[in-house]
């Protein structure tokens, strides 16, 4: 599998076990996330053609974000397989890293928008119904994509800058000082590292802390309001509470560890070795988002229920056919045995 996971003092150092763990989680995420998100994408597209709602627009964009993330995940698999040495064409490095992180942070903004939409619908049902238009959700999604793309543009620019400068601190080939770095967005000079730490702190504050606090406020009040409503069924109440708690858990578990590494790295002014491992929880978000789709959208629930019913009916039909075929086979054997017995008797 390529070179060992060892680099200079200003980069992340991973051992073989960490690389295997990265590759395993990437493969698991890809195998689970691709079919579930494609199903959600098709469902939301059909729903938007019939009767679009703001929540469907937000969840469709979250699905697109996850699918874009999964589309570039094979490049990260190859990187992990090669022990974090970038052996692919280096022009893919900036694009892969850029879209990889853009989709992660765009998901935090979209999940926050889902929490705001749920809170407004519960706290101000009549006032919100007046201005509840899908086009506002579309504008919000455009804004989220613009914010994510602009804030993460540094991830796209820096690898090209390292390549063009051919800084000896990146261990380039001495005979060809402009050769690309051996790794992708892992090695930094002290000057680059100081800039990277500041950018990461800004990402932590703007694209994690603020969305997380807004989501906490919305869902906590959502649960409190929901608990005081007398005319709501227990089943619906539990499902809505599950949606609120599930989204907060996704926020905390999926995005918390990786963003915490930004703060630790800024304080210590070091590129923490455990950052890539912390990123695994954010990677799993592509698998957990379909759970939020199921809790948030009735159309997704009905689609999945129809799918499961059709699969169950197909399995039942095949089982009956197998049983019927087995019965006929046994009956045929009995008939043949009886025939040969009588034939032998007559002979």
C-alpha atoms as a PDB file:
ATOM      1  CA  UNK A   1       0.000   0.000   0.000  1.00  0.00           C
ATOM      2  CA  UNK A   2       2.296   2.942  -0.798  1.00  0.00           C
ATOM      3  CA  UNK A   3       4.613   4.863   1.535  1.00  0.00           C
ATOM      4  CA  UNK A   4       4.240   4.755   5.331  1.00  0.00           C
ATOM      5  CA  UNK A   5       2.102   7.369   6.987  1.00  0.00           C
ATOM      6  CA  UNK A   6       4.988   9.499   8.164  1.00  0.00           C
ATOM      7  CA  UNK A   7       5.665  13.115   7.260  1.00  0.00           C
ATOM      8  CA  UNK A   8       7.518  16.178   8.546  1.00  0.00           C
ATOM      9  CA  UNK A   9       6.970  17.865  11.911  1.00  0.00           C
ATOM     10  CA  UNK A  10       4.330  20.235  10.544  1.00  0.00           C
ATOM     11  CA  UNK A  11       1.955  17.589   9.261  1.00  0.00           C
ATOM     12  CA  UNK A  12      -0.388  14.870  10.440  1.00  0.00           C
ATOM     13  CA  UNK A  13       1.311  11.558  11.186  1.00  0.00           C
ATOM     14  CA  UNK A  14      -0.795   8.396  10.892  1.00  0.00           C
ATOM     15  CA  UNK A  15       0.173   4.783  11.413  1.00  0.00           C
ATOM     16  CA  UNK A  16      -0.988   1.833   9.341  1.00  0.00           C
ATOM     17  CA  UNK A  17      -3.831   1.043  11.764  1.00  0.00           C
ATOM     18  CA  UNK A  18      -5.235   4.555  11.408  1.00  0.00           C
ATOM     19  CA  UNK A  19      -5.072   4.304   7.624  1.00  0.00           C
ATOM     20  CA  UNK A  20      -6.930   0.979   7.695  1.00  0.00           C
ATOM     21  CA  UNK A  21      -9.567   2.516   9.986  1.00  0.00           C
ATOM     22  CA  UNK A  22      -9.988   5.469   7.622  1.00  0.00           C
ATOM     23  CA  UNK A  23     -10.373   3.183   4.623  1.00  0.00           C
ATOM     24  CA  UNK A  24     -12.883   0.947   6.437  1.00  0.00           C
ATOM     25  CA  UNK A  25     -15.117   3.840   7.507  1.00  0.00           C
ATOM     26  CA  UNK A  26     -14.923   5.411   4.056  1.00  0.00           C
ATOM     27  CA  UNK A  27     -16.020   2.151   2.413  1.00  0.00           C
ATOM     28  CA  UNK A  28     -18.826   1.628   4.945  1.00  0.00           C
ATOM     29  CA  UNK A  29     -20.063   5.190   4.448  1.00  0.00           C
ATOM     30  CA  UNK A  30     -19.972   4.823   0.679  1.00  0.00           C
ATOM     31  CA  UNK A  31     -21.846   1.504   0.618  1.00  0.00           C
ATOM     32  CA  UNK A  32     -24.601   2.710   2.951  1.00  0.00           C
ATOM     33  CA  UNK A  33     -24.765   6.357   1.945  1.00  0.00           C
ATOM     34  CA  UNK A  34     -24.990   6.010  -1.844  1.00  0.00           C
ATOM     35  CA  UNK A  35     -28.202   3.902  -2.116  1.00  0.00           C
ATOM     36  CA  UNK A  36     -30.007   5.652   0.748  1.00  0.00           C
ATOM     37  CA  UNK A  37     -29.233   9.144  -0.530  1.00  0.00           C
ATOM     38  CA  UNK A  38     -30.115   8.232  -4.123  1.00  0.00           C
ATOM     39  CA  UNK A  39     -33.466   6.958  -2.871  1.00  0.00           C
ATOM     40  CA  UNK A  40     -33.986  10.172  -0.910  1.00  0.00           C
ATOM     41  CA  UNK A  41     -32.958  12.279  -3.915  1.00  0.00           C
ATOM     42  CA  UNK A  42     -35.475  10.586  -6.223  1.00  0.00           C
ATOM     43  CA  UNK A  43     -38.188  10.868  -3.572  1.00  0.00           C
ATOM     44  CA  UNK A  44     -37.662  14.587  -2.989  1.00  0.00           C
ATOM     45  CA  UNK A  45     -37.490  15.309  -6.723  1.00  0.00           C
ATOM     46  CA  UNK A  46     -40.878  13.625  -7.233  1.00  0.00           C
ATOM     47  CA  UNK A  47     -42.322  15.434  -4.227  1.00  0.00           C
ATOM     48  CA  UNK A  48     -41.101  18.834  -5.412  1.00  0.00           C
ATOM     49  CA  UNK A  49     -42.734  18.310  -8.805  1.00  0.00           C
ATOM     50  CA  UNK A  50     -46.079  17.638  -7.148  1.00  0.00           C
ATOM     51  CA  UNK A  51     -46.269  19.917  -4.132  1.00  0.00           C
ATOM     52  CA  UNK A  52     -43.035  21.641  -3.036  1.00  0.00           C
ATOM     53  CA  UNK A  53     -42.556  22.694   0.582  1.00  0.00           C
ATOM     54  CA  UNK A  54     -39.627  24.511   2.251  1.00  0.00           C
ATOM     55  CA  UNK A  55     -38.586  21.446   4.236  1.00  0.00           C
ATOM     56  CA  UNK A  56     -38.400  19.379   1.041  1.00  0.00           C
ATOM     57  CA  UNK A  57     -36.189  22.002  -0.616  1.00  0.00           C
ATOM     58  CA  UNK A  58     -33.834  21.981   2.374  1.00  0.00           C
ATOM     59  CA  UNK A  59     -33.691  18.191   2.571  1.00  0.00           C
ATOM     60  CA  UNK A  60     -33.137  17.909  -1.190  1.00  0.00           C
ATOM     61  CA  UNK A  61     -30.129  20.208  -0.925  1.00  0.00           C
ATOM     62  CA  UNK A  62     -28.866  18.203   2.033  1.00  0.00           C
ATOM     63  CA  UNK A  63     -29.173  15.080  -0.115  1.00  0.00           C
ATOM     64  CA  UNK A  64     -27.302  16.756  -2.991  1.00  0.00           C
ATOM     65  CA  UNK A  65     -24.589  17.785  -0.537  1.00  0.00           C
ATOM     66  CA  UNK A  66     -24.249  14.214   0.716  1.00  0.00           C
ATOM     67  CA  UNK A  67     -24.176  12.783  -2.820  1.00  0.00           C
ATOM     68  CA  UNK A  68     -21.471  15.262  -3.832  1.00  0.00           C
ATOM     69  CA  UNK A  69     -19.511  14.235  -0.749  1.00  0.00           C
ATOM     70  CA  UNK A  70     -19.927  10.552  -1.631  1.00  0.00           C
ATOM     71  CA  UNK A  71     -18.940  11.175  -5.258  1.00  0.00           C
ATOM     72  CA  UNK A  72     -15.470  12.333  -4.184  1.00  0.00           C
ATOM     73  CA  UNK A  73     -15.115   9.860  -1.320  1.00  0.00           C
ATOM     74  CA  UNK A  74     -13.409   7.226  -3.568  1.00  0.00           C
ATOM     75  CA  UNK A  75     -10.474   9.625  -3.961  1.00  0.00           C
ATOM     76  CA  UNK A  76     -10.155   9.754  -0.172  1.00  0.00           C
ATOM     77  CA  UNK A  77     -10.345   5.947  -0.139  1.00  0.00           C
ATOM     78  CA  UNK A  78      -7.423   5.796  -2.548  1.00  0.00           C
ATOM     79  CA  UNK A  79      -5.502   8.248  -0.367  1.00  0.00           C
ATOM     80  CA  UNK A  80      -6.107   6.117   2.733  1.00  0.00           C
ATOM     81  CA  UNK A  81      -5.183   2.954   0.812  1.00  0.00           C
ATOM     82  CA  UNK A  82      -1.872   4.564  -0.165  1.00  0.00           C
ATOM     83  CA  UNK A  83      -1.163   5.480   3.491  1.00  0.00           C
ATOM     84  CA  UNK A  84      -2.127   9.140   3.004  1.00  0.00           C
ATOM     85  CA  UNK A  85       0.340   9.614   0.134  1.00  0.00           C
ATOM     86  CA  UNK A  86      -1.370  11.355  -2.781  1.00  0.00           C
ATOM     87  CA  UNK A  87      -0.563   9.203  -5.834  1.00  0.00           C
ATOM     88  CA  UNK A  88      -3.448  10.453  -7.963  1.00  0.00           C
ATOM     89  CA  UNK A  89      -2.981  13.408 -10.347  1.00  0.00           C
ATOM     90  CA  UNK A  90      -2.286  16.340  -8.061  1.00  0.00           C
ATOM     91  CA  UNK A  91      -4.864  18.505  -9.809  1.00  0.00           C
ATOM     92  CA  UNK A  92      -7.512  16.318  -8.145  1.00  0.00           C
ATOM     93  CA  UNK A  93      -6.153  17.101  -4.675  1.00  0.00           C
ATOM     94  CA  UNK A  94      -7.447  20.688  -4.333  1.00  0.00           C
ATOM     95  CA  UNK A  95     -10.833  19.827  -5.854  1.00  0.00           C
ATOM     96  CA  UNK A  96     -11.295  16.725  -3.690  1.00  0.00           C
ATOM     97  CA  UNK A  97     -10.358  18.484  -0.450  1.00  0.00           C
ATOM     98  CA  UNK A  98     -12.386  21.552  -1.341  1.00  0.00           C
ATOM     99  CA  UNK A  99     -15.652  19.705  -2.067  1.00  0.00           C
ATOM    100  CA  UNK A 100     -15.029  17.249   0.762  1.00  0.00           C
ATOM    101  CA  UNK A 101     -15.028  20.035   3.360  1.00  0.00           C
ATOM    102  CA  UNK A 102     -17.575  22.264   1.619  1.00  0.00           C
ATOM    103  CA  UNK A 103     -20.218  19.543   1.775  1.00  0.00           C
ATOM    104  CA  UNK A 104     -19.467  18.846   5.444  1.00  0.00           C
ATOM    105  CA  UNK A 105     -19.959  22.467   6.495  1.00  0.00           C
ATOM    106  CA  UNK A 106     -22.851  22.990   4.119  1.00  0.00           C
ATOM    107  CA  UNK A 107     -24.601  20.127   5.921  1.00  0.00           C
ATOM    108  CA  UNK A 108     -24.328  21.981   9.237  1.00  0.00           C
ATOM    109  CA  UNK A 109     -26.031  25.024   7.717  1.00  0.00           C
ATOM    110  CA  UNK A 110     -28.789  22.968   6.099  1.00  0.00           C
ATOM    111  CA  UNK A 111     -29.449  21.007   9.300  1.00  0.00           C
ATOM    112  CA  UNK A 112     -29.701  24.329  11.130  1.00  0.00           C
ATOM    113  CA  UNK A 113     -32.211  25.578   8.569  1.00  0.00           C
ATOM    114  CA  UNK A 114     -34.292  22.425   9.118  1.00  0.00           C
ATOM    115  CA  UNK A 115     -34.340  23.140  12.869  1.00  0.00           C
ATOM    116  CA  UNK A 116     -35.395  26.761  12.273  1.00  0.00           C
ATOM    117  CA  UNK A 117     -38.159  25.660   9.895  1.00  0.00           C
ATOM    118  CA  UNK A 118     -39.486  23.169  12.442  1.00  0.00           C
ATOM    119  CA  UNK A 119     -39.336  25.687  15.278  1.00  0.00           C
ATOM    120  CA  UNK A 120     -41.129  28.443  13.373  1.00  0.00           C
ATOM    121  CA  UNK A 121     -43.846  26.023  12.291  1.00  0.00           C
ATOM    122  CA  UNK A 122     -44.386  24.967  15.902  1.00  0.00           C
ATOM    123  CA  UNK A 123     -43.950  28.308  17.720  1.00  0.00           C
ATOM    124  CA  UNK A 124     -45.662  30.589  15.185  1.00  0.00           C
ATOM    125  CA  UNK A 125     -47.913  28.339  13.107  1.00  0.00           C
ATOM    126  CA  UNK A 126     -50.260  30.997  11.735  1.00  0.00           C
ATOM    127  CA  UNK A 127     -47.691  33.735  11.134  1.00  0.00           C
ATOM    128  CA  UNK A 128     -45.255  31.301   9.529  1.00  0.00           C
ATOM    129  CA  UNK A 129     -47.937  29.766   7.313  1.00  0.00           C
ATOM    130  CA  UNK A 130     -48.407  33.139   5.625  1.00  0.00           C
ATOM    131  CA  UNK A 131     -44.752  33.409   4.502  1.00  0.00           C
ATOM    132  CA  UNK A 132     -43.990  29.688   4.187  1.00  0.00           C
ATOM    133  CA  UNK A 133     -42.872  29.656   0.559  1.00  0.00           C
ATOM    134  CA  UNK A 134     -40.468  27.239  -1.159  1.00  0.00           C
ATOM    135  CA  UNK A 135     -38.686  30.102  -2.912  1.00  0.00           C
ATOM    136  CA  UNK A 136     -37.442  31.409   0.445  1.00  0.00           C
ATOM    137  CA  UNK A 137     -35.922  27.994   1.137  1.00  0.00           C
ATOM    138  CA  UNK A 138     -34.289  28.081  -2.302  1.00  0.00           C
ATOM    139  CA  UNK A 139     -32.763  31.480  -1.525  1.00  0.00           C
ATOM    140  CA  UNK A 140     -31.542  30.186   1.817  1.00  0.00           C
ATOM    141  CA  UNK A 141     -29.907  27.180   0.131  1.00  0.00           C
ATOM    142  CA  UNK A 142     -28.174  29.405  -2.410  1.00  0.00           C
ATOM    143  CA  UNK A 143     -26.864  31.522   0.478  1.00  0.00           C
ATOM    144  CA  UNK A 144     -25.637  28.433   2.342  1.00  0.00           C
ATOM    145  CA  UNK A 145     -23.764  27.131  -0.689  1.00  0.00           C
ATOM    146  CA  UNK A 146     -22.210  30.561  -1.265  1.00  0.00           C
ATOM    147  CA  UNK A 147     -21.089  30.844   2.373  1.00  0.00           C
ATOM    148  CA  UNK A 148     -19.622  27.327   2.382  1.00  0.00           C
ATOM    149  CA  UNK A 149     -17.826  27.769  -0.941  1.00  0.00           C
ATOM    150  CA  UNK A 150     -16.351  31.142   0.009  1.00  0.00           C
ATOM    151  CA  UNK A 151     -15.205  30.090   3.481  1.00  0.00           C
ATOM    152  CA  UNK A 152     -13.582  26.861   2.237  1.00  0.00           C
ATOM    153  CA  UNK A 153     -11.927  28.411  -0.827  1.00  0.00           C
ATOM    154  CA  UNK A 154      -8.691  28.434   1.173  1.00  0.00           C
ATOM    155  CA  UNK A 155      -8.630  24.623   1.015  1.00  0.00           C
ATOM    156  CA  UNK A 156      -8.645  24.861  -2.787  1.00  0.00           C
ATOM    157  CA  UNK A 157      -6.069  27.644  -3.063  1.00  0.00           C
ATOM    158  CA  UNK A 158      -3.408  26.410  -0.632  1.00  0.00           C
ATOM    159  CA  UNK A 159      -2.455  23.113  -2.375  1.00  0.00           C
ATOM    160  CA  UNK A 160      -1.984  24.937  -5.675  1.00  0.00           C
ATOM    161  CA  UNK A 161       0.106  27.545  -3.889  1.00  0.00           C
ATOM    162  CA  UNK A 162       2.305  24.826  -2.380  1.00  0.00           C
ATOM    163  CA  UNK A 163       2.710  23.211  -5.781  1.00  0.00           C
ATOM    164  CA  UNK A 164       3.605  26.438  -7.586  1.00  0.00           C
ATOM    165  CA  UNK A 165       6.032  27.675  -4.911  1.00  0.00           C
ATOM    166  CA  UNK A 166       7.897  24.369  -4.651  1.00  0.00           C
ATOM    167  CA  UNK A 167       8.879  25.130  -1.061  1.00  0.00           C
ATOM    168  CA  UNK A 168      11.681  22.839   0.157  1.00  0.00           C
ATOM    169  CA  UNK A 169       9.836  22.512   3.470  1.00  0.00           C
ATOM    170  CA  UNK A 170       7.356  20.255   1.700  1.00  0.00           C
ATOM    171  CA  UNK A 171      10.015  17.649   0.833  1.00  0.00           C
ATOM    172  CA  UNK A 172       9.728  18.126  -2.909  1.00  0.00           C
ATOM    173  CA  UNK A 173      12.036  16.453  -5.340  1.00  0.00           C
ATOM    174  CA  UNK A 174      15.317  18.390  -5.317  1.00  0.00           C
ATOM    175  CA  UNK A 175      15.845  17.842  -9.028  1.00  0.00           C
ATOM    176  CA  UNK A 176      12.393  19.257  -9.734  1.00  0.00           C
ATOM    177  CA  UNK A 177      11.499  21.884  -7.099  1.00  0.00           C
ATOM    178  CA  UNK A 178       8.076  22.498  -8.662  1.00  0.00           C
ATOM    179  CA  UNK A 179       6.953  18.875  -8.372  1.00  0.00           C
ATOM    180  CA  UNK A 180       3.716  18.461  -6.384  1.00  0.00           C
ATOM    181  CA  UNK A 181       3.814  17.710  -2.646  1.00  0.00           C
ATOM    182  CA  UNK A 182       3.654  14.011  -1.744  1.00  0.00           C
ATOM    183  CA  UNK A 183       0.516  14.516   0.366  1.00  0.00           C
ATOM    184  CA  UNK A 184      -2.722  16.439  -0.028  1.00  0.00           C
ATOM    185  CA  UNK A 185      -3.471  19.208   2.471  1.00  0.00           C
ATOM    186  CA  UNK A 186      -1.437  17.562   5.236  1.00  0.00           C
ATOM    187  CA  UNK A 187       1.938  19.345   5.153  1.00  0.00           C
ATOM    188  CA  UNK A 188       2.366  23.014   6.071  1.00  0.00           C
ATOM    189  CA  UNK A 189       5.260  25.373   6.585  1.00  0.00           C
ATOM    190  CA  UNK A 190       5.179  27.379   9.847  1.00  0.00           C
ATOM    191  CA  UNK A 191       3.918  30.424   7.928  1.00  0.00           C
ATOM    192  CA  UNK A 192       1.157  28.422   6.250  1.00  0.00           C
ATOM    193  CA  UNK A 193       0.243  26.728   9.513  1.00  0.00           C
ATOM    194  CA  UNK A 194      -0.395  30.039  11.278  1.00  0.00           C
ATOM    195  CA  UNK A 195      -2.814  31.022   8.513  1.00  0.00           C
ATOM    196  CA  UNK A 196      -4.461  27.594   8.479  1.00  0.00           C
ATOM    197  CA  UNK A 197      -5.044  27.735  12.248  1.00  0.00           C
ATOM    198  CA  UNK A 198      -6.787  31.110  11.956  1.00  0.00           C
ATOM    199  CA  UNK A 199      -9.001  29.908   9.113  1.00  0.00           C
ATOM    200  CA  UNK A 200      -9.939  26.762  11.031  1.00  0.00           C
ATOM    201  CA  UNK A 201     -10.870  28.806  14.105  1.00  0.00           C
ATOM    202  CA  UNK A 202     -13.108  30.964  11.926  1.00  0.00           C
ATOM    203  CA  UNK A 203     -14.758  27.829  10.548  1.00  0.00           C
ATOM    204  CA  UNK A 204     -15.317  26.559  14.083  1.00  0.00           C
ATOM    205  CA  UNK A 205     -16.994  29.790  15.173  1.00  0.00           C
ATOM    206  CA  UNK A 206     -18.982  30.663  12.047  1.00  0.00           C
ATOM    207  CA  UNK A 207     -19.915  27.299  10.548  1.00  0.00           C
ATOM    208  CA  UNK A 208     -20.158  25.129  13.644  1.00  0.00           C
ATOM    209  CA  UNK A 209     -20.720  27.078  16.867  1.00  0.00           C
ATOM    210  CA  UNK A 210     -23.359  29.489  15.577  1.00  0.00           C
ATOM    211  CA  UNK A 211     -25.356  26.807  13.679  1.00  0.00           C
ATOM    212  CA  UNK A 212     -25.102  24.455  16.669  1.00  0.00           C
ATOM    213  CA  UNK A 213     -26.358  27.067  19.138  1.00  0.00           C
ATOM    214  CA  UNK A 214     -29.224  28.003  16.824  1.00  0.00           C
ATOM    215  CA  UNK A 215     -30.175  24.336  16.441  1.00  0.00           C
ATOM    216  CA  UNK A 216     -30.075  23.806  20.210  1.00  0.00           C
ATOM    217  CA  UNK A 217     -32.300  26.827  20.792  1.00  0.00           C
ATOM    218  CA  UNK A 218     -34.792  25.775  18.127  1.00  0.00           C
ATOM    219  CA  UNK A 219     -35.068  22.117  19.087  1.00  0.00           C
ATOM    220  CA  UNK A 220     -35.147  22.664  22.851  1.00  0.00           C
ATOM    221  CA  UNK A 221     -38.012  25.140  22.440  1.00  0.00           C
ATOM    222  CA  UNK A 222     -39.584  22.841  19.860  1.00  0.00           C
ATOM    223  CA  UNK A 223     -39.677  20.022  22.431  1.00  0.00           C
ATOM    224  CA  UNK A 224     -40.977  22.305  25.186  1.00  0.00           C
ATOM    225  CA  UNK A 225     -43.792  23.619  23.009  1.00  0.00           C
ATOM    226  CA  UNK A 226     -44.601  20.133  21.804  1.00  0.00           C
ATOM    227  CA  UNK A 227     -44.824  18.779  25.352  1.00  0.00           C
ATOM    228  CA  UNK A 228     -47.480  21.389  26.206  1.00  0.00           C
ATOM    229  CA  UNK A 229     -49.763  20.603  23.277  1.00  0.00           C
ATOM    230  CA  UNK A 230     -52.716  18.492  24.453  1.00  0.00           C
ATOM    231  CA  UNK A 231     -54.239  17.567  21.077  1.00  0.00           C
ATOM    232  CA  UNK A 232     -51.330  15.654  19.547  1.00  0.00           C
ATOM    233  CA  UNK A 233     -50.998  11.903  19.408  1.00  0.00           C
ATOM    234  CA  UNK A 234     -48.328  10.153  21.422  1.00  0.00           C
ATOM    235  CA  UNK A 235     -46.873   8.567  18.286  1.00  0.00           C
ATOM    236  CA  UNK A 236     -46.448  11.898  16.517  1.00  0.00           C
ATOM    237  CA  UNK A 237     -45.065  13.509  19.666  1.00  0.00           C
ATOM    238  CA  UNK A 238     -42.402  10.822  20.017  1.00  0.00           C
ATOM    239  CA  UNK A 239     -41.487  11.038  16.335  1.00  0.00           C
ATOM    240  CA  UNK A 240     -41.037  14.812  16.530  1.00  0.00           C
ATOM    241  CA  UNK A 241     -38.962  14.527  19.686  1.00  0.00           C
ATOM    242  CA  UNK A 242     -36.880  11.846  17.966  1.00  0.00           C
ATOM    243  CA  UNK A 243     -36.300  14.230  15.070  1.00  0.00           C
ATOM    244  CA  UNK A 244     -35.106  16.975  17.420  1.00  0.00           C
ATOM    245  CA  UNK A 245     -32.846  14.746  19.485  1.00  0.00           C
ATOM    246  CA  UNK A 246     -31.569  12.892  16.403  1.00  0.00           C
ATOM    247  CA  UNK A 247     -30.507  16.110  14.687  1.00  0.00           C
ATOM    248  CA  UNK A 248     -28.748  17.384  17.809  1.00  0.00           C
ATOM    249  CA  UNK A 249     -26.954  14.053  18.191  1.00  0.00           C
ATOM    250  CA  UNK A 250     -25.849  14.226  14.550  1.00  0.00           C
ATOM    251  CA  UNK A 251     -24.560  17.738  15.146  1.00  0.00           C
ATOM    252  CA  UNK A 252     -22.675  16.807  18.294  1.00  0.00           C
ATOM    253  CA  UNK A 253     -21.303  13.391  17.327  1.00  0.00           C
ATOM    254  CA  UNK A 254     -20.631  14.001  13.627  1.00  0.00           C
ATOM    255  CA  UNK A 255     -19.335  17.557  13.648  1.00  0.00           C
ATOM    256  CA  UNK A 256     -18.178  18.111  17.231  1.00  0.00           C
ATOM    257  CA  UNK A 257     -14.898  16.128  17.350  1.00  0.00           C
ATOM    258  CA  UNK A 258     -13.507  17.468  14.093  1.00  0.00           C
ATOM    259  CA  UNK A 259     -14.361  21.069  14.913  1.00  0.00           C
ATOM    260  CA  UNK A 260     -12.911  20.626  18.396  1.00  0.00           C
ATOM    261  CA  UNK A 261      -9.600  19.801  16.719  1.00  0.00           C
ATOM    262  CA  UNK A 262      -9.670  23.299  15.182  1.00  0.00           C
ATOM    263  CA  UNK A 263      -9.708  24.893  18.626  1.00  0.00           C
ATOM    264  CA  UNK A 264      -7.061  22.558  20.069  1.00  0.00           C
ATOM    265  CA  UNK A 265      -4.828  23.121  17.052  1.00  0.00           C
ATOM    266  CA  UNK A 266      -5.239  26.908  17.298  1.00  0.00           C
ATOM    267  CA  UNK A 267      -4.354  26.935  20.993  1.00  0.00           C
ATOM    268  CA  UNK A 268      -1.331  24.682  20.541  1.00  0.00           C
ATOM    269  CA  UNK A 269      -0.471  26.015  17.065  1.00  0.00           C
ATOM    270  CA  UNK A 270      -0.026  22.453  15.859  1.00  0.00           C
ATOM    271  CA  UNK A 271      -1.606  20.262  13.216  1.00  0.00           C
ATOM    272  CA  UNK A 272      -3.105  17.654  15.555  1.00  0.00           C
ATOM    273  CA  UNK A 273      -2.394  14.017  14.684  1.00  0.00           C
ATOM    274  CA  UNK A 274      -5.950  12.925  15.565  1.00  0.00           C
ATOM    275  CA  UNK A 275      -7.648  15.313  13.145  1.00  0.00           C
ATOM    276  CA  UNK A 276      -8.080  12.695  10.423  1.00  0.00           C
ATOM    277  CA  UNK A 277      -9.585  10.237  12.910  1.00  0.00           C
ATOM    278  CA  UNK A 278     -11.929  12.949  14.238  1.00  0.00           C
ATOM    279  CA  UNK A 279     -12.997  13.581  10.657  1.00  0.00           C
ATOM    280  CA  UNK A 280     -14.421  10.042  10.485  1.00  0.00           C
ATOM    281  CA  UNK A 281     -17.440  11.086  12.541  1.00  0.00           C
ATOM    282  CA  UNK A 282     -18.178  13.832  10.013  1.00  0.00           C
ATOM    283  CA  UNK A 283     -17.848  11.262   7.243  1.00  0.00           C
ATOM    284  CA  UNK A 284     -20.547   9.115   8.864  1.00  0.00           C
ATOM    285  CA  UNK A 285     -22.947  12.041   8.578  1.00  0.00           C
ATOM    286  CA  UNK A 286     -23.692  10.948   5.004  1.00  0.00           C
ATOM    287  CA  UNK A 287     -25.127   7.720   6.468  1.00  0.00           C
ATOM    288  CA  UNK A 288     -27.053   9.397   9.293  1.00  0.00           C
ATOM    289  CA  UNK A 289     -28.729  12.115   7.230  1.00  0.00           C
ATOM    290  CA  UNK A 290     -31.198   9.615   5.676  1.00  0.00           C
ATOM    291  CA  UNK A 291     -32.411   8.912   9.226  1.00  0.00           C
ATOM    292  CA  UNK A 292     -33.222  12.609   9.562  1.00  0.00           C
ATOM    293  CA  UNK A 293     -34.963  12.468   6.180  1.00  0.00           C
ATOM    294  CA  UNK A 294     -37.116   9.611   7.467  1.00  0.00           C
ATOM    295  CA  UNK A 295     -38.089  11.513  10.617  1.00  0.00           C
ATOM    296  CA  UNK A 296     -38.554  14.864   8.859  1.00  0.00           C
ATOM    297  CA  UNK A 297     -40.493  13.977   5.729  1.00  0.00           C
ATOM    298  CA  UNK A 298     -43.698  11.980   5.464  1.00  0.00           C
ATOM    299  CA  UNK A 299     -43.048  11.381   1.761  1.00  0.00           C
ATOM    300  CA  UNK A 300     -39.736   9.656   2.577  1.00  0.00           C
ATOM    301  CA  UNK A 301     -41.449   7.527   5.203  1.00  0.00           C
ATOM    302  CA  UNK A 302     -44.224   6.512   2.803  1.00  0.00           C
ATOM    303  CA  UNK A 303     -41.707   5.761   0.031  1.00  0.00           C
ATOM    304  CA  UNK A 304     -39.611   3.580   2.319  1.00  0.00           C
ATOM    305  CA  UNK A 305     -42.703   1.845   3.669  1.00  0.00           C
ATOM    306  CA  UNK A 306     -43.870   1.075   0.110  1.00  0.00           C
ATOM    307  CA  UNK A 307     -40.402  -0.147  -0.784  1.00  0.00           C
ATOM    308  CA  UNK A 308     -40.227  -2.438   2.242  1.00  0.00           C
ATOM    309  CA  UNK A 309     -43.735  -3.746   1.559  1.00  0.00           C
ATOM    310  CA  UNK A 310     -42.915  -4.468  -2.075  1.00  0.00           C
ATOM    311  CA  UNK A 311     -39.706  -6.264  -1.069  1.00  0.00           C
ATOM    312  CA  UNK A 312     -41.571  -8.250   1.573  1.00  0.00           C
ATOM    313  CA  UNK A 313     -44.309  -9.196  -0.907  1.00  0.00           C
ATOM    314  CA  UNK A 314     -41.732 -10.217  -3.497  1.00  0.00           C
ATOM    315  CA  UNK A 315     -39.915 -12.351  -0.944  1.00  0.00           C
ATOM    316  CA  UNK A 316     -43.220 -13.896   0.106  1.00  0.00           C
ATOM    317  CA  UNK A 317     -44.105 -14.691  -3.516  1.00  0.00           C
ATOM    318  CA  UNK A 318     -40.706 -16.217  -4.132  1.00  0.00           C
ATOM    319  CA  UNK A 319     -41.037 -18.261  -0.952  1.00  0.00           C
ATOM    320  CA  UNK A 320     -44.436 -19.527  -2.082  1.00  0.00           C
ATOM    321  CA  UNK A 321     -43.028 -20.354  -5.510  1.00  0.00           C
ATOM    322  CA  UNK A 322     -40.161 -22.231  -3.895  1.00  0.00           C
ATOM    323  CA  UNK A 323     -42.580 -24.111  -1.643  1.00  0.00           C
ATOM    324  CA  UNK A 324     -44.871 -24.837  -4.588  1.00  0.00           C
ATOM    325  CA  UNK A 325     -41.941 -26.010  -6.716  1.00  0.00           C
ATOM    326  CA  UNK A 326     -40.682 -28.184  -3.876  1.00  0.00           C
ATOM    327  CA  UNK A 327     -44.136 -29.705  -3.396  1.00  0.00           C
ATOM    328  CA  UNK A 328     -44.434 -30.449  -7.098  1.00  0.00           C
ATOM    329  CA  UNK A 329     -40.944 -31.942  -7.121  1.00  0.00           C
ATOM    330  CA  UNK A 330     -41.768 -34.222  -4.201  1.00  0.00           C
ATOM    331  CA  UNK A 331     -45.058 -35.219  -5.844  1.00  0.00           C
ATOM    332  CA  UNK A 332     -43.198 -35.963  -9.082  1.00  0.00           C
ATOM    333  CA  UNK A 333     -40.748 -38.185  -7.249  1.00  0.00           C
ATOM    334  CA  UNK A 334     -43.594 -40.064  -5.611  1.00  0.00           C
ATOM    335  CA  UNK A 335     -45.317 -40.540  -8.972  1.00  0.00           C
ATOM    336  CA  UNK A 336     -42.128 -41.771 -10.626  1.00  0.00           C
ATOM    337  CA  UNK A 337     -41.444 -44.121  -7.755  1.00  0.00           C
ATOM    338  CA  UNK A 338     -44.969 -45.503  -7.978  1.00  0.00           C
ATOM    339  CA  UNK A 339     -44.604 -45.858 -11.768  1.00  0.00           C
ATOM    340  CA  UNK A 340     -41.301 -47.708 -11.578  1.00  0.00           C
ATOM    341  CA  UNK A 341     -42.611 -49.874  -8.746  1.00  0.00           C
ATOM    342  CA  UNK A 342     -45.625 -50.929 -10.831  1.00  0.00           C
ATOM    343  CA  UNK A 343     -43.441 -51.382 -13.904  1.00  0.00           C
ATOM    344  CA  UNK A 344     -41.114 -53.649 -11.982  1.00  0.00           C
ATOM    345  CA  UNK A 345     -44.091 -55.512 -10.553  1.00  0.00           C
ATOM    346  CA  UNK A 346     -45.587 -56.177 -13.991  1.00  0.00           C
ATOM    347  CA  UNK A 347     -42.244 -57.261 -15.420  1.00  0.00           C
END
